[in-house]
Amino acid sequence: MISSSNKISRREEVSELLDLLGRVLERRVEALLISGAVMLELGLKDAT
């Protein structure tokens, strides 16, 4: 994941982070996305 800051600001960055976590974690987990991350995933917002 390439970002110029430590904040996620694009939908692609959210997807990359979740994909990376899926490859690294040994067990299935559930995550609760809140605020701008949810809006990015739902396509309600292009960037935050």
N, C-alpha and C. Protein backbone atom coordinates (compact mmCIF):
# COMPACT_ATOMS: atom_id res chain seq x y z
N MET A 1 0.85 -1.17 0.00
CA MET A 1 0.00 0.00 0.00
C MET A 1 0.89 1.23 0.00
N ILE A 2 0.71 2.09 -0.97
CA ILE A 2 1.52 3.30 -1.07
C ILE A 2 0.65 4.49 -0.71
N SER A 3 1.11 5.26 0.26
CA SER A 3 0.37 6.43 0.69
C SER A 3 1.37 7.51 1.11
N SER A 4 1.01 8.75 0.89
CA SER A 4 1.91 9.84 1.25
C SER A 4 1.76 10.24 2.71
N SER A 5 0.81 9.66 3.40
CA SER A 5 0.61 9.97 4.82
C SER A 5 0.22 8.69 5.55
N ASN A 6 -0.01 8.80 6.85
CA ASN A 6 -0.40 7.63 7.61
C ASN A 6 -1.92 7.48 7.68
N LYS A 7 -2.63 8.24 6.88
CA LYS A 7 -4.09 8.17 6.84
C LYS A 7 -4.55 7.53 5.53
N ILE A 8 -5.64 6.79 5.60
CA ILE A 8 -6.24 6.20 4.41
C ILE A 8 -7.21 7.22 3.84
N SER A 9 -7.05 7.53 2.57
CA SER A 9 -7.90 8.57 2.00
C SER A 9 -8.63 8.15 0.73
N ARG A 10 -8.34 6.93 0.22
CA ARG A 10 -9.00 6.48 -1.00
C ARG A 10 -9.55 5.08 -0.80
N ARG A 11 -10.60 4.75 -1.55
CA ARG A 11 -11.21 3.43 -1.46
C ARG A 11 -10.21 2.32 -1.76
N GLU A 12 -9.34 2.56 -2.72
CA GLU A 12 -8.33 1.56 -3.08
C GLU A 12 -7.42 1.23 -1.90
N GLU A 13 -7.11 2.24 -1.09
CA GLU A 13 -6.26 2.02 0.07
C GLU A 13 -6.97 1.16 1.12
N VAL A 14 -8.27 1.36 1.29
CA VAL A 14 -9.04 0.52 2.21
C VAL A 14 -9.00 -0.93 1.72
N SER A 15 -9.25 -1.15 0.44
CA SER A 15 -9.24 -2.50 -0.13
C SER A 15 -7.87 -3.14 0.00
N GLU A 16 -6.81 -2.38 -0.28
CA GLU A 16 -5.45 -2.91 -0.16
C GLU A 16 -5.15 -3.33 1.27
N LEU A 17 -5.55 -2.50 2.23
CA LEU A 17 -5.30 -2.81 3.63
C LEU A 17 -6.04 -4.07 4.05
N LEU A 18 -7.31 -4.18 3.67
CA LEU A 18 -8.09 -5.37 4.03
C LEU A 18 -7.54 -6.62 3.36
N ASP A 19 -7.10 -6.52 2.12
CA ASP A 19 -6.48 -7.65 1.43
C ASP A 19 -5.20 -8.08 2.13
N LEU A 20 -4.38 -7.11 2.52
CA LEU A 20 -3.14 -7.40 3.22
C LEU A 20 -3.42 -8.10 4.56
N LEU A 21 -4.38 -7.59 5.30
CA LEU A 21 -4.74 -8.22 6.57
C LEU A 21 -5.23 -9.65 6.36
N GLY A 22 -6.00 -9.87 5.31
CA GLY A 22 -6.50 -11.21 5.00
C GLY A 22 -5.39 -12.20 4.71
N ARG A 23 -4.31 -11.73 4.12
CA ARG A 23 -3.18 -12.61 3.82
C ARG A 23 -2.31 -12.88 5.05
N VAL A 24 -2.25 -11.92 5.96
CA VAL A 24 -1.35 -12.02 7.11
C VAL A 24 -1.98 -12.75 8.30
N LEU A 25 -3.25 -12.52 8.53
CA LEU A 25 -3.91 -13.11 9.70
C LEU A 25 -4.12 -14.60 9.52
N GLU A 26 -3.93 -15.35 10.58
CA GLU A 26 -4.07 -16.80 10.53
C GLU A 26 -5.52 -17.25 10.70
N ARG A 27 -6.32 -16.43 11.35
CA ARG A 27 -7.72 -16.77 11.60
C ARG A 27 -8.64 -15.73 10.98
N ARG A 28 -9.86 -16.14 10.74
CA ARG A 28 -10.86 -15.21 10.24
C ARG A 28 -11.23 -14.23 11.35
N VAL A 29 -11.34 -12.97 11.01
CA VAL A 29 -11.73 -11.94 11.96
C VAL A 29 -12.84 -11.10 11.35
N GLU A 30 -13.55 -10.41 12.20
CA GLU A 30 -14.55 -9.45 11.75
C GLU A 30 -14.07 -8.06 12.13
N ALA A 31 -14.31 -7.11 11.26
CA ALA A 31 -13.89 -5.73 11.52
C ALA A 31 -15.08 -4.80 11.37
N LEU A 32 -15.08 -3.77 12.15
CA LEU A 32 -16.13 -2.76 12.09
C LEU A 32 -15.53 -1.50 11.49
N LEU A 33 -15.97 -1.16 10.29
CA LEU A 33 -15.51 0.07 9.65
C LEU A 33 -16.42 1.21 10.07
N ILE A 34 -15.83 2.34 10.38
CA ILE A 34 -16.63 3.48 10.82
C ILE A 34 -16.27 4.72 10.01
N SER A 35 -17.16 5.67 10.02
CA SER A 35 -16.94 6.99 9.45
C SER A 35 -16.61 6.97 7.96
N GLY A 36 -15.55 7.66 7.58
CA GLY A 36 -15.19 7.81 6.17
C GLY A 36 -14.86 6.51 5.49
N ALA A 37 -14.28 5.54 6.23
CA ALA A 37 -13.94 4.25 5.63
C ALA A 37 -15.18 3.53 5.13
N VAL A 38 -16.27 3.61 5.86
CA VAL A 38 -17.52 2.99 5.44
C VAL A 38 -18.03 3.67 4.17
N MET A 39 -18.00 4.97 4.16
CA MET A 39 -18.48 5.71 3.00
C MET A 39 -17.65 5.38 1.76
N LEU A 40 -16.33 5.22 1.94
CA LEU A 40 -15.47 4.83 0.82
C LEU A 40 -15.86 3.45 0.30
N GLU A 41 -16.02 2.47 1.21
CA GLU A 41 -16.35 1.10 0.82
C GLU A 41 -17.70 1.02 0.13
N LEU A 42 -18.66 1.81 0.57
CA LEU A 42 -20.00 1.78 -0.02
C LEU A 42 -20.09 2.59 -1.32
N GLY A 43 -19.00 3.25 -1.67
CA GLY A 43 -18.99 4.05 -2.90
C GLY A 43 -19.73 5.36 -2.76
N LEU A 44 -19.98 5.79 -1.53
CA LEU A 44 -20.68 7.05 -1.32
C LEU A 44 -19.74 8.25 -1.36
N LYS A 45 -18.45 7.95 -1.39
CA LYS A 45 -17.44 8.99 -1.32
C LYS A 45 -16.20 8.50 -2.07
N ASP A 46 -15.56 9.34 -2.86
CA ASP A 46 -14.37 8.96 -3.61
C ASP A 46 -13.11 9.06 -2.77
N ALA A 47 -13.08 10.01 -1.86
CA ALA A 47 -11.91 10.22 -1.00
C ALA A 47 -12.37 10.87 0.28
N THR A 48 -11.54 10.77 1.28
CA THR A 48 -11.88 11.38 2.57
C THR A 48 -10.71 12.16 3.11
